[in-house]
Amino acid sequence: MFHKWSIGLITGCLICTLFSSSASAQTATPQVPLIFDTDIGNDVDDVLALGMIHSLQSRGVCRLVAVTITKDHDQCAPFVDAVNTFYGRGDIPIGVCRSGVTPQQSRFTGLAVEQSGGADRYPHDLKAGRDAADAVTVLRKALAAEADGQVVIVQVGFSTNLTALVRSPADAVSPLTGRELIRSKVRTLSVMAGAFTPINGQPHAEYNVVEDLASARALAVEWPGEIVYSGFEVGLAVPYPAISIQRDFGYVPHHPLSEAYILYEPPPHNRPCWDLTSVLWAVHPDRGYFGLSEKGAVSIDDRGVTTFTADPNGRHQYLQLSADQQLRVVEALVQLCSQPPG
């Protein structure tokens, strides 16, 4: 049904409700310090999610303090730096893992080395992932620098980095262990992982869980705070309209979001927005975009299948989505992803 939409045309009421850009609105709500932990390079929804975060920062509602990467390929960090620089924020710290998980060449991170007129098509300073800092060090520094109880972490890849953070010892960055830093600094963790309804009638072992299963299982048990999961079924229900890719990014000759989308899979196709849902909930948990399950505990079996068990004392919840919310969420994602830098 999404191909029938006229992208970019929404009512004035909806604009005011979702994205007030007035100075009073922006100063009324403090910016949420946000850490983005991503396997960027494996799927293009990570790229859209990163662009969306930048647009939310331009609107004054969040502040991207670090990006850490769980795809172990040398081109991922330069690509992130190129996207950050495109949005005018090329100094954001970037950390990488050296886990060996999904080391394959991406379909689109080669944009980081693409040339136009003898120069980088997308200027950036970080030329190779091997030159980037270790992800856990970047995470610890980012957390230590923020006020207590304020940081939101969005994990849209594997649990490699955050599990390592939980287990990290005190060091020169902070006298607190990773577990203590999380308890002190993190408000919530928003994770795109798992599946909480059957897919085609069968339990679904979701990709972000399966690729580093040990870390995903450990994170569910060891993370010392709240986790809100966005399951596979949620992103599947809110595909990004190809018509937006074709029409909404032409305000510059080259745009990393639309070019990455096309390289990943040439349109027309409406790519599910798994990772974007975790970002939208993390920054706007009170806007009614999603419902939330009751509290409980997520467990993961040795196949990577997630199970939720209700418990009023539990630390886990998962996102739910009604038909009306689907429409709102897709339009919000389109407006944010296609917003020009500034």
C-alpha atoms as a PDB file:
ATOM      1  CA  MET A   1       0.000   0.000   0.000  1.00  0.00           C
ATOM      2  CA  PHE A   2       2.915   2.331   0.500  1.00  0.00           C
ATOM      3  CA  HIS A   3       3.491   2.854  -3.238  1.00  0.00           C
ATOM      4  CA  LYS A   4       0.289   4.914  -3.335  1.00  0.00           C
ATOM      5  CA  TRP A   5       1.619   7.532  -0.990  1.00  0.00           C
ATOM      6  CA  SER A   6       2.555  11.029  -2.024  1.00  0.00           C
ATOM      7  CA  ILE A   7       5.806  11.330  -0.129  1.00  0.00           C
ATOM      8  CA  GLY A   8       6.508  14.664   1.455  1.00  0.00           C
ATOM      9  CA  LEU A   9       2.857  15.735   1.722  1.00  0.00           C
ATOM     10  CA  ILE A  10       1.598  15.495   5.264  1.00  0.00           C
ATOM     11  CA  THR A  11      -0.856  17.610   7.119  1.00  0.00           C
ATOM     12  CA  GLY A  12       0.232  20.689   8.993  1.00  0.00           C
ATOM     13  CA  CYS A  13      -1.231  19.185  12.117  1.00  0.00           C
ATOM     14  CA  LEU A  14       0.979  16.092  11.814  1.00  0.00           C
ATOM     15  CA  ILE A  15       4.062  18.225  11.198  1.00  0.00           C
ATOM     16  CA  CYS A  16       3.349  20.252  14.312  1.00  0.00           C
ATOM     17  CA  THR A  17       2.722  17.128  16.346  1.00  0.00           C
ATOM     18  CA  LEU A  18       5.840  15.267  15.255  1.00  0.00           C
ATOM     19  CA  PHE A  19       8.503  17.778  14.416  1.00  0.00           C
ATOM     20  CA  SER A  20       8.006  21.255  15.847  1.00  0.00           C
ATOM     21  CA  SER A  21      11.033  23.269  14.786  1.00  0.00           C
ATOM     22  CA  SER A  22      10.270  26.372  16.823  1.00  0.00           C
ATOM     23  CA  ALA A  23      12.936  27.642  19.170  1.00  0.00           C
ATOM     24  CA  SER A  24      10.638  27.220  22.152  1.00  0.00           C
ATOM     25  CA  ALA A  25      10.015  23.563  21.324  1.00  0.00           C
ATOM     26  CA  GLN A  26      13.697  22.819  20.897  1.00  0.00           C
ATOM     27  CA  THR A  27      14.734  24.523  24.124  1.00  0.00           C
ATOM     28  CA  ALA A  28      11.941  22.898  26.128  1.00  0.00           C
ATOM     29  CA  THR A  29      13.361  19.402  25.668  1.00  0.00           C
ATOM     30  CA  PRO A  30      17.025  18.708  26.431  1.00  0.00           C
ATOM     31  CA  GLN A  31      19.013  16.895  23.770  1.00  0.00           C
ATOM     32  CA  VAL A  32      19.286  13.179  24.395  1.00  0.00           C
ATOM     33  CA  PRO A  33      22.929  12.025  24.284  1.00  0.00           C
ATOM     34  CA  LEU A  34      22.835   9.041  21.936  1.00  0.00           C
ATOM     35  CA  ILE A  35      25.339   6.294  21.126  1.00  0.00           C
ATOM     36  CA  PHE A  36      24.743   4.407  17.870  1.00  0.00           C
ATOM     37  CA  ASP A  37      26.101   0.857  17.772  1.00  0.00           C
ATOM     38  CA  THR A  38      25.712  -0.582  14.277  1.00  0.00           C
ATOM     39  CA  ASP A  39      26.763  -3.328  11.870  1.00  0.00           C
ATOM     40  CA  ILE A  40      26.656  -0.771   9.065  1.00  0.00           C
ATOM     41  CA  GLY A  41      27.597  -2.310   5.754  1.00  0.00           C
ATOM     42  CA  ASN A  42      25.516  -5.459   6.064  1.00  0.00           C
ATOM     43  CA  ASP A  43      22.175  -3.827   5.245  1.00  0.00           C
ATOM     44  CA  VAL A  44      21.215  -0.351   4.136  1.00  0.00           C
ATOM     45  CA  ASP A  45      18.754   0.367   6.943  1.00  0.00           C
ATOM     46  CA  ASP A  46      21.756   1.188   9.156  1.00  0.00           C
ATOM     47  CA  VAL A  47      22.649   4.013   6.757  1.00  0.00           C
ATOM     48  CA  LEU A  48      19.124   5.401   6.806  1.00  0.00           C
ATOM     49  CA  ALA A  49      19.131   5.166  10.600  1.00  0.00           C
ATOM     50  CA  LEU A  50      22.391   7.129  10.841  1.00  0.00           C
ATOM     51  CA  GLY A  51      21.045   9.843   8.553  1.00  0.00           C
ATOM     52  CA  MET A  52      17.881   9.929  10.630  1.00  0.00           C
ATOM     53  CA  ILE A  53      19.888  10.482  13.818  1.00  0.00           C
ATOM     54  CA  HIS A  54      21.621  13.448  12.212  1.00  0.00           C
ATOM     55  CA  SER A  55      18.261  14.931  11.245  1.00  0.00           C
ATOM     56  CA  LEU A  56      16.985  14.461  14.779  1.00  0.00           C
ATOM     57  CA  GLN A  57      20.094  16.222  16.062  1.00  0.00           C
ATOM     58  CA  SER A  58      19.482  19.096  13.666  1.00  0.00           C
ATOM     59  CA  ARG A  59      15.992  19.332  15.143  1.00  0.00           C
ATOM     60  CA  GLY A  60      17.549  19.690  18.573  1.00  0.00           C
ATOM     61  CA  VAL A  61      16.217  16.506  20.156  1.00  0.00           C
ATOM     62  CA  CYS A  62      19.326  14.316  20.345  1.00  0.00           C
ATOM     63  CA  ARG A  63      23.095  14.583  20.227  1.00  0.00           C
ATOM     64  CA  LEU A  64      25.141  11.821  18.601  1.00  0.00           C
ATOM     65  CA  VAL A  65      28.113  11.315  20.921  1.00  0.00           C
ATOM     66  CA  ALA A  66      29.688   8.210  19.357  1.00  0.00           C
ATOM     67  CA  VAL A  67      29.258   5.553  16.694  1.00  0.00           C
ATOM     68  CA  THR A  68      30.583   2.055  17.288  1.00  0.00           C
ATOM     69  CA  ILE A  69      30.634  -0.666  14.659  1.00  0.00           C
ATOM     70  CA  THR A  70      30.122  -4.430  14.898  1.00  0.00           C
ATOM     71  CA  LYS A  71      30.802  -5.379  11.273  1.00  0.00           C
ATOM     72  CA  ASP A  72      34.479  -6.249  11.073  1.00  0.00           C
ATOM     73  CA  HIS A  73      35.489  -4.723   7.750  1.00  0.00           C
ATOM     74  CA  ASP A  74      38.038  -1.961   7.180  1.00  0.00           C
ATOM     75  CA  GLN A  75      35.707   0.199   5.061  1.00  0.00           C
ATOM     76  CA  CYS A  76      32.863   0.561   7.546  1.00  0.00           C
ATOM     77  CA  ALA A  77      34.426   3.215   9.763  1.00  0.00           C
ATOM     78  CA  PRO A  78      35.479   5.463   6.848  1.00  0.00           C
ATOM     79  CA  PHE A  79      31.962   5.179   5.460  1.00  0.00           C
ATOM     80  CA  VAL A  80      30.475   6.250   8.800  1.00  0.00           C
ATOM     81  CA  ASP A  81      32.916   9.164   8.917  1.00  0.00           C
ATOM     82  CA  ALA A  82      31.878  10.147   5.392  1.00  0.00           C
ATOM     83  CA  VAL A  83      28.189  10.165   6.346  1.00  0.00           C
ATOM     84  CA  ASN A  84      28.887  12.112   9.549  1.00  0.00           C
ATOM     85  CA  THR A  85      30.936  14.636   7.582  1.00  0.00           C
ATOM     86  CA  PHE A  86      28.179  14.981   4.993  1.00  0.00           C
ATOM     87  CA  TYR A  87      25.911  16.096   7.825  1.00  0.00           C
ATOM     88  CA  GLY A  88      28.526  18.520   9.173  1.00  0.00           C
ATOM     89  CA  ARG A  89      29.620  16.397  12.135  1.00  0.00           C
ATOM     90  CA  GLY A  90      32.867  14.792  11.052  1.00  0.00           C
ATOM     91  CA  ASP A  91      34.382  14.922  14.547  1.00  0.00           C
ATOM     92  CA  ILE A  92      32.086  12.326  16.141  1.00  0.00           C
ATOM     93  CA  PRO A  93      34.177   9.519  17.673  1.00  0.00           C
ATOM     94  CA  ILE A  94      34.029   6.194  15.832  1.00  0.00           C
ATOM     95  CA  GLY A  95      35.000   2.860  17.342  1.00  0.00           C
ATOM     96  CA  VAL A  96      35.428  -0.535  15.723  1.00  0.00           C
ATOM     97  CA  CYS A  97      35.456  -4.163  16.796  1.00  0.00           C
ATOM     98  CA  ARG A  98      38.004  -6.722  15.696  1.00  0.00           C
ATOM     99  CA  SER A  99      35.807  -9.768  16.112  1.00  0.00           C
ATOM    100  CA  GLY A 100      35.957 -11.387  12.698  1.00  0.00           C
ATOM    101  CA  VAL A 101      32.142 -11.251  12.493  1.00  0.00           C
ATOM    102  CA  THR A 102      30.807 -10.523   8.963  1.00  0.00           C
ATOM    103  CA  PRO A 103      34.148  -9.507   7.418  1.00  0.00           C
ATOM    104  CA  GLN A 104      32.716  -9.542   3.885  1.00  0.00           C
ATOM    105  CA  GLN A 105      32.871  -6.567   1.552  1.00  0.00           C
ATOM    106  CA  SER A 106      29.740  -4.420   1.703  1.00  0.00           C
ATOM    107  CA  ARG A 107      27.714  -3.515  -1.369  1.00  0.00           C
ATOM    108  CA  PHE A 108      27.879   0.207  -0.554  1.00  0.00           C
ATOM    109  CA  THR A 109      30.676   1.181   1.853  1.00  0.00           C
ATOM    110  CA  GLY A 110      32.901   1.580  -1.215  1.00  0.00           C
ATOM    111  CA  LEU A 111      31.282   5.010  -1.468  1.00  0.00           C
ATOM    112  CA  ALA A 112      33.906   6.030   1.076  1.00  0.00           C
ATOM    113  CA  VAL A 113      36.602   5.685  -1.585  1.00  0.00           C
ATOM    114  CA  GLU A 114      34.535   6.908  -4.530  1.00  0.00           C
ATOM    115  CA  GLN A 115      36.117   9.846  -6.356  1.00  0.00           C
ATOM    116  CA  SER A 116      34.458  12.790  -8.101  1.00  0.00           C
ATOM    117  CA  GLY A 117      36.614  15.347  -9.878  1.00  0.00           C
ATOM    118  CA  GLY A 118      39.816  13.969  -8.373  1.00  0.00           C
ATOM    119  CA  ALA A 119      38.615  14.254  -4.765  1.00  0.00           C
ATOM    120  CA  ASP A 120      36.554  12.175  -2.366  1.00  0.00           C
ATOM    121  CA  ARG A 121      32.926  12.259  -3.404  1.00  0.00           C
ATOM    122  CA  TYR A 122      32.160  12.251   0.314  1.00  0.00           C
ATOM    123  CA  PRO A 123      35.000  13.980   2.205  1.00  0.00           C
ATOM    124  CA  HIS A 124      36.190  12.344   5.409  1.00  0.00           C
ATOM    125  CA  ASP A 125      39.340  12.078   7.536  1.00  0.00           C
ATOM    126  CA  LEU A 126      39.269   8.472   8.740  1.00  0.00           C
ATOM    127  CA  LYS A 127      40.620   6.412   5.866  1.00  0.00           C
ATOM    128  CA  ALA A 128      40.625   2.889   7.321  1.00  0.00           C
ATOM    129  CA  GLY A 129      38.982   1.022  10.143  1.00  0.00           C
ATOM    130  CA  ARG A 130      42.367  -0.208  11.333  1.00  0.00           C
ATOM    131  CA  ASP A 131      43.140   3.419  12.244  1.00  0.00           C
ATOM    132  CA  ALA A 132      40.016   3.766  14.403  1.00  0.00           C
ATOM    133  CA  ALA A 133      39.875   3.310  18.152  1.00  0.00           C
ATOM    134  CA  ASP A 134      38.621   0.161  19.821  1.00  0.00           C
ATOM    135  CA  ALA A 135      34.846   0.243  20.248  1.00  0.00           C
ATOM    136  CA  VAL A 136      34.874  -0.482  23.978  1.00  0.00           C
ATOM    137  CA  THR A 137      37.287   2.380  24.620  1.00  0.00           C
ATOM    138  CA  VAL A 138      35.058   4.735  22.615  1.00  0.00           C
ATOM    139  CA  LEU A 139      31.985   3.535  24.509  1.00  0.00           C
ATOM    140  CA  ARG A 140      33.640   3.995  27.889  1.00  0.00           C
ATOM    141  CA  LYS A 141      34.858   7.496  27.016  1.00  0.00           C
ATOM    142  CA  ALA A 142      31.465   8.527  25.691  1.00  0.00           C
ATOM    143  CA  LEU A 143      29.661   7.295  28.784  1.00  0.00           C
ATOM    144  CA  ALA A 144      32.172   8.766  31.228  1.00  0.00           C
ATOM    145  CA  ALA A 145      31.764  12.205  29.652  1.00  0.00           C
ATOM    146  CA  GLU A 146      27.980  12.372  30.056  1.00  0.00           C
ATOM    147  CA  ALA A 147      25.715  13.186  32.978  1.00  0.00           C
ATOM    148  CA  ASP A 148      24.321  10.359  35.062  1.00  0.00           C
ATOM    149  CA  GLY A 149      21.184   8.637  33.855  1.00  0.00           C
ATOM    150  CA  GLN A 150      20.932  10.461  30.524  1.00  0.00           C
ATOM    151  CA  VAL A 151      22.519   8.360  27.763  1.00  0.00           C
ATOM    152  CA  VAL A 152      20.430   6.358  25.328  1.00  0.00           C
ATOM    153  CA  ILE A 153      22.187   3.586  23.402  1.00  0.00           C
ATOM    154  CA  VAL A 154      20.749   2.297  20.140  1.00  0.00           C
ATOM    155  CA  GLN A 155      22.118  -1.078  19.075  1.00  0.00           C
ATOM    156  CA  VAL A 156      21.131  -2.096  15.556  1.00  0.00           C
ATOM    157  CA  GLY A 157      23.746  -4.699  14.812  1.00  0.00           C
ATOM    158  CA  PHE A 158      25.324  -7.477  16.814  1.00  0.00           C
ATOM    159  CA  SER A 159      25.736  -7.475  20.594  1.00  0.00           C
ATOM    160  CA  THR A 160      29.516  -7.804  20.316  1.00  0.00           C
ATOM    161  CA  ASN A 161      30.491  -4.341  21.519  1.00  0.00           C
ATOM    162  CA  LEU A 162      27.913  -3.905  24.272  1.00  0.00           C
ATOM    163  CA  THR A 163      28.592  -7.295  25.789  1.00  0.00           C
ATOM    164  CA  ALA A 164      32.287  -6.417  25.821  1.00  0.00           C
ATOM    165  CA  LEU A 165      31.388  -3.080  27.443  1.00  0.00           C
ATOM    166  CA  VAL A 166      29.454  -4.817  30.218  1.00  0.00           C
ATOM    167  CA  ARG A 167      32.472  -6.997  30.946  1.00  0.00           C
ATOM    168  CA  SER A 168      35.090  -4.239  30.708  1.00  0.00           C
ATOM    169  CA  PRO A 169      37.185  -3.500  33.793  1.00  0.00           C
ATOM    170  CA  ALA A 170      37.990  -0.135  35.328  1.00  0.00           C
ATOM    171  CA  ASP A 171      40.756   1.622  33.429  1.00  0.00           C
ATOM    172  CA  ALA A 172      42.371   4.993  32.757  1.00  0.00           C
ATOM    173  CA  VAL A 173      39.136   6.218  31.170  1.00  0.00           C
ATOM    174  CA  SER A 174      37.008   5.594  34.264  1.00  0.00           C
ATOM    175  CA  PRO A 175      37.437   3.980  37.684  1.00  0.00           C
ATOM    176  CA  LEU A 176      34.074   2.290  37.079  1.00  0.00           C
ATOM    177  CA  THR A 177      33.690  -1.112  35.511  1.00  0.00           C
ATOM    178  CA  GLY A 178      31.556  -1.387  32.417  1.00  0.00           C
ATOM    179  CA  ARG A 179      28.618  -2.654  34.443  1.00  0.00           C
ATOM    180  CA  GLU A 180      28.969   0.277  36.846  1.00  0.00           C
ATOM    181  CA  LEU A 181      29.266   2.807  34.010  1.00  0.00           C
ATOM    182  CA  ILE A 182      26.096   1.489  32.433  1.00  0.00           C
ATOM    183  CA  ARG A 183      24.194   1.649  35.701  1.00  0.00           C
ATOM    184  CA  SER A 184      25.412   5.182  36.298  1.00  0.00           C
ATOM    185  CA  LYS A 185      25.073   6.719  32.841  1.00  0.00           C
ATOM    186  CA  VAL A 186      22.579   4.835  30.666  1.00  0.00           C
ATOM    187  CA  ARG A 187      18.880   5.636  30.695  1.00  0.00           C
ATOM    188  CA  THR A 188      17.851   2.836  28.364  1.00  0.00           C
ATOM    189  CA  LEU A 189      19.067   0.531  25.636  1.00  0.00           C
ATOM    190  CA  SER A 190      17.055   0.298  22.420  1.00  0.00           C
ATOM    191  CA  VAL A 191      17.926  -2.837  20.458  1.00  0.00           C
ATOM    192  CA  MET A 192      16.907  -4.053  17.009  1.00  0.00           C
ATOM    193  CA  ALA A 193      17.112  -7.789  17.512  1.00  0.00           C
ATOM    194  CA  GLY A 194      14.978 -10.870  17.762  1.00  0.00           C
ATOM    195  CA  ALA A 195      11.431 -11.641  16.674  1.00  0.00           C
ATOM    196  CA  PHE A 196       8.423 -11.699  18.979  1.00  0.00           C
ATOM    197  CA  THR A 197       5.717 -12.915  16.633  1.00  0.00           C
ATOM    198  CA  PRO A 198       5.996 -15.854  14.235  1.00  0.00           C
ATOM    199  CA  ILE A 199       7.083 -15.099  10.682  1.00  0.00           C
ATOM    200  CA  ASN A 200       5.120 -17.134   8.125  1.00  0.00           C
ATOM    201  CA  GLY A 201       3.851 -19.177  11.013  1.00  0.00           C
ATOM    202  CA  GLN A 202       7.293 -20.158  12.271  1.00  0.00           C
ATOM    203  CA  PRO A 203       9.648 -18.903  15.012  1.00  0.00           C
ATOM    204  CA  HIS A 204      12.252 -16.650  13.436  1.00  0.00           C
ATOM    205  CA  ALA A 205      15.972 -16.708  14.274  1.00  0.00           C
ATOM    206  CA  GLU A 206      16.803 -13.084  13.541  1.00  0.00           C
ATOM    207  CA  TYR A 207      20.056 -12.048  11.818  1.00  0.00           C
ATOM    208  CA  ASN A 208      21.428  -9.654  14.450  1.00  0.00           C
ATOM    209  CA  VAL A 209      21.047 -12.385  17.041  1.00  0.00           C
ATOM    210  CA  VAL A 210      22.373 -15.281  14.991  1.00  0.00           C
ATOM    211  CA  GLU A 211      25.562 -13.656  13.675  1.00  0.00           C
ATOM    212  CA  ASP A 212      26.989 -13.251  17.184  1.00  0.00           C
ATOM    213  CA  LEU A 213      24.737 -15.567  19.121  1.00  0.00           C
ATOM    214  CA  ALA A 214      26.949 -15.825  22.191  1.00  0.00           C
ATOM    215  CA  SER A 215      27.003 -12.063  22.651  1.00  0.00           C
ATOM    216  CA  ALA A 216      23.254 -11.692  22.047  1.00  0.00           C
ATOM    217  CA  ARG A 217      22.489 -14.310  24.678  1.00  0.00           C
ATOM    218  CA  ALA A 218      24.943 -12.744  27.111  1.00  0.00           C
ATOM    219  CA  LEU A 219      23.575  -9.237  26.634  1.00  0.00           C
ATOM    220  CA  ALA A 220      20.025 -10.350  27.440  1.00  0.00           C
ATOM    221  CA  VAL A 221      21.249 -11.821  30.724  1.00  0.00           C
ATOM    222  CA  GLU A 222      24.057  -9.471  31.747  1.00  0.00           C
ATOM    223  CA  TRP A 223      22.942  -5.959  30.719  1.00  0.00           C
ATOM    224  CA  PRO A 224      22.306  -4.209  34.052  1.00  0.00           C
ATOM    225  CA  GLY A 225      19.434  -2.001  32.918  1.00  0.00           C
ATOM    226  CA  GLU A 226      16.323  -1.832  30.792  1.00  0.00           C
ATOM    227  CA  ILE A 227      16.295  -3.112  27.210  1.00  0.00           C
ATOM    228  CA  VAL A 228      13.557  -2.371  24.687  1.00  0.00           C
ATOM    229  CA  TYR A 229      13.700  -4.735  21.709  1.00  0.00           C
ATOM    230  CA  SER A 230      12.370  -3.953  18.255  1.00  0.00           C
ATOM    231  CA  GLY A 231      11.687  -7.315  16.691  1.00  0.00           C
ATOM    232  CA  PHE A 232      11.987  -8.406  13.089  1.00  0.00           C
ATOM    233  CA  GLU A 233       8.226  -8.139  12.633  1.00  0.00           C
ATOM    234  CA  VAL A 234       8.203  -4.410  13.429  1.00  0.00           C
ATOM    235  CA  GLY A 235      10.723  -3.354  10.782  1.00  0.00           C
ATOM    236  CA  LEU A 236       9.075  -5.662   8.298  1.00  0.00           C
ATOM    237  CA  ALA A 237       5.817  -3.745   8.740  1.00  0.00           C
ATOM    238  CA  VAL A 238       7.310  -0.321   7.938  1.00  0.00           C
ATOM    239  CA  PRO A 239       9.194  -0.514   4.604  1.00  0.00           C
ATOM    240  CA  TYR A 240      10.912   2.594   3.331  1.00  0.00           C
ATOM    241  CA  PRO A 241       9.141   3.788   0.139  1.00  0.00           C
ATOM    242  CA  ALA A 242      11.325   3.577  -2.955  1.00  0.00           C
ATOM    243  CA  ILE A 243       9.593   6.662  -4.333  1.00  0.00           C
ATOM    244  CA  SER A 244      11.286   8.686  -1.600  1.00  0.00           C
ATOM    245  CA  ILE A 245      14.717   7.408  -2.639  1.00  0.00           C
ATOM    246  CA  GLN A 246      13.921   8.363  -6.223  1.00  0.00           C
ATOM    247  CA  ARG A 247      12.527  11.838  -5.486  1.00  0.00           C
ATOM    248  CA  ASP A 248      13.504  13.244  -2.092  1.00  0.00           C
ATOM    249  CA  PHE A 249      17.316  13.316  -2.135  1.00  0.00           C
ATOM    250  CA  GLY A 250      17.988  15.343  -5.263  1.00  0.00           C
ATOM    251  CA  TYR A 251      18.823  18.545  -3.400  1.00  0.00           C
ATOM    252  CA  VAL A 252      22.514  17.587  -3.831  1.00  0.00           C
ATOM    253  CA  PRO A 253      24.275  15.903  -6.771  1.00  0.00           C
ATOM    254  CA  HIS A 254      25.365  12.989  -4.559  1.00  0.00           C
ATOM    255  CA  HIS A 255      23.689  11.813  -1.360  1.00  0.00           C
ATOM    256  CA  PRO A 256      25.122   8.933   0.718  1.00  0.00           C
ATOM    257  CA  LEU A 257      21.730   7.652   1.855  1.00  0.00           C
ATOM    258  CA  SER A 258      20.109   7.338  -1.556  1.00  0.00           C
ATOM    259  CA  GLU A 259      23.304   6.114  -3.256  1.00  0.00           C
ATOM    260  CA  ALA A 260      23.829   3.436  -0.584  1.00  0.00           C
ATOM    261  CA  TYR A 261      20.196   2.339  -0.918  1.00  0.00           C
ATOM    262  CA  ILE A 262      20.523   1.989  -4.691  1.00  0.00           C
ATOM    263  CA  LEU A 263      23.826   0.121  -4.436  1.00  0.00           C
ATOM    264  CA  TYR A 264      22.397  -2.274  -1.875  1.00  0.00           C
ATOM    265  CA  GLU A 265      19.459  -3.132  -4.132  1.00  0.00           C
ATOM    266  CA  PRO A 266      18.393  -0.990  -7.079  1.00  0.00           C
ATOM    267  CA  PRO A 267      14.834   0.366  -6.751  1.00  0.00           C
ATOM    268  CA  PRO A 268      12.021  -0.067  -7.055  1.00  0.00           C
ATOM    269  CA  HIS A 269      11.917  -1.899  -3.767  1.00  0.00           C
ATOM    270  CA  ASN A 270      10.627  -0.847  -0.380  1.00  0.00           C
ATOM    271  CA  ARG A 271      13.301  -1.929   2.084  1.00  0.00           C
ATOM    272  CA  PRO A 272      12.106  -2.821   5.616  1.00  0.00           C
ATOM    273  CA  CYS A 273      13.145  -0.260   8.221  1.00  0.00           C
ATOM    274  CA  TRP A 274      14.287  -2.473  11.069  1.00  0.00           C
ATOM    275  CA  ASP A 275      17.010  -0.247  12.500  1.00  0.00           C
ATOM    276  CA  LEU A 276      15.118   3.013  12.114  1.00  0.00           C
ATOM    277  CA  THR A 277      12.402   1.824  14.482  1.00  0.00           C
ATOM    278  CA  SER A 278      14.893   1.464  17.333  1.00  0.00           C
ATOM    279  CA  VAL A 279      16.153   5.005  16.727  1.00  0.00           C
ATOM    280  CA  LEU A 280      12.681   6.518  16.559  1.00  0.00           C
ATOM    281  CA  TRP A 281      11.577   4.871  19.790  1.00  0.00           C
ATOM    282  CA  ALA A 282      14.817   5.763  21.586  1.00  0.00           C
ATOM    283  CA  VAL A 283      14.497   9.475  20.826  1.00  0.00           C
ATOM    284  CA  HIS A 284      10.700   9.776  20.949  1.00  0.00           C
ATOM    285  CA  PRO A 285       9.449   7.067  23.331  1.00  0.00           C
ATOM    286  CA  ASP A 286       6.469   9.168  24.378  1.00  0.00           C
ATOM    287  CA  ARG A 287       5.069  10.156  20.960  1.00  0.00           C
ATOM    288  CA  GLY A 288       2.831   7.161  20.489  1.00  0.00           C
ATOM    289  CA  TYR A 289       4.667   5.747  17.479  1.00  0.00           C
ATOM    290  CA  PHE A 290       4.799   2.311  19.089  1.00  0.00           C
ATOM    291  CA  GLY A 291       3.132   0.311  21.766  1.00  0.00           C
ATOM    292  CA  LEU A 292       5.131  -1.549  24.391  1.00  0.00           C
ATOM    293  CA  SER A 293       4.690  -5.044  25.688  1.00  0.00           C
ATOM    294  CA  GLU A 294       4.348  -5.670  29.374  1.00  0.00           C
ATOM    295  CA  LYS A 295       7.593  -6.065  31.278  1.00  0.00           C
ATOM    296  CA  GLY A 296       9.371  -9.375  31.258  1.00  0.00           C
ATOM    297  CA  ALA A 297      12.526 -11.198  30.267  1.00  0.00           C
ATOM    298  CA  VAL A 298      13.878 -12.095  26.833  1.00  0.00           C
ATOM    299  CA  SER A 299      15.721 -15.374  26.478  1.00  0.00           C
ATOM    300  CA  ILE A 300      17.489 -16.696  23.395  1.00  0.00           C
ATOM    301  CA  ASP A 301      17.912 -20.359  22.594  1.00  0.00           C
ATOM    302  CA  ASP A 302      20.837 -22.024  20.863  1.00  0.00           C
ATOM    303  CA  ARG A 303      19.211 -21.518  17.442  1.00  0.00           C
ATOM    304  CA  GLY A 304      18.864 -17.757  17.951  1.00  0.00           C
ATOM    305  CA  VAL A 305      15.108 -17.792  18.567  1.00  0.00           C
ATOM    306  CA  THR A 306      13.937 -15.195  21.080  1.00  0.00           C
ATOM    307  CA  THR A 307      11.278 -15.913  23.694  1.00  0.00           C
ATOM    308  CA  PHE A 308       9.593 -13.342  25.913  1.00  0.00           C
ATOM    309  CA  THR A 309       8.319 -14.295  29.361  1.00  0.00           C
ATOM    310  CA  ALA A 310       6.129 -11.770  31.160  1.00  0.00           C
ATOM    311  CA  ASP A 311       7.325 -10.690  34.597  1.00  0.00           C
ATOM    312  CA  PRO A 312       6.301  -7.433  36.348  1.00  0.00           C
ATOM    313  CA  ASN A 313       9.835  -7.200  37.728  1.00  0.00           C
ATOM    314  CA  GLY A 314      11.483  -7.856  34.373  1.00  0.00           C
ATOM    315  CA  ARG A 315      13.864  -5.440  32.651  1.00  0.00           C
ATOM    316  CA  HIS A 316      12.851  -6.159  29.059  1.00  0.00           C
ATOM    317  CA  GLN A 317      10.041  -5.009  26.779  1.00  0.00           C
ATOM    318  CA  TYR A 318       9.463  -5.159  23.046  1.00  0.00           C
ATOM    319  CA  LEU A 319       7.861  -2.769  20.567  1.00  0.00           C
ATOM    320  CA  GLN A 320       4.374  -3.356  19.220  1.00  0.00           C
ATOM    321  CA  LEU A 321       2.797  -1.706  16.194  1.00  0.00           C
ATOM    322  CA  SER A 322      -0.821  -1.114  15.213  1.00  0.00           C
ATOM    323  CA  ALA A 323      -2.029  -0.478  11.658  1.00  0.00           C
ATOM    324  CA  ASP A 324      -2.507   3.223  12.409  1.00  0.00           C
ATOM    325  CA  GLN A 325       0.961   3.441  13.891  1.00  0.00           C
ATOM    326  CA  GLN A 326       2.455   1.869  10.768  1.00  0.00           C
ATOM    327  CA  LEU A 327       1.298   4.847   8.696  1.00  0.00           C
ATOM    328  CA  ARG A 328       2.633   7.383  11.180  1.00  0.00           C
ATOM    329  CA  VAL A 329       5.974   5.639  11.542  1.00  0.00           C
ATOM    330  CA  VAL A 330       6.658   5.330   7.806  1.00  0.00           C
ATOM    331  CA  GLU A 331       5.854   8.993   7.209  1.00  0.00           C
ATOM    332  CA  ALA A 332       8.044  10.053  10.149  1.00  0.00           C
ATOM    333  CA  LEU A 333      10.948   7.969   8.838  1.00  0.00           C
ATOM    334  CA  VAL A 334      10.651   9.439   5.347  1.00  0.00           C
ATOM    335  CA  GLN A 335      10.548  13.006   6.631  1.00  0.00           C
ATOM    336  CA  LEU A 336      13.595  12.470   8.844  1.00  0.00           C
ATOM    337  CA  CYS A 337      15.728  10.531   6.389  1.00  0.00           C
ATOM    338  CA  SER A 338      15.147  12.969   3.533  1.00  0.00           C
ATOM    339  CA  GLN A 339      15.701  16.109   5.599  1.00  0.00           C
ATOM    340  CA  PRO A 340      18.647  18.153   4.216  1.00  0.00           C
ATOM    341  CA  PRO A 341      21.668  18.648   6.505  1.00  0.00           C
ATOM    342  CA  GLY A 342      21.639  21.758   8.619  1.00  0.00           C
END
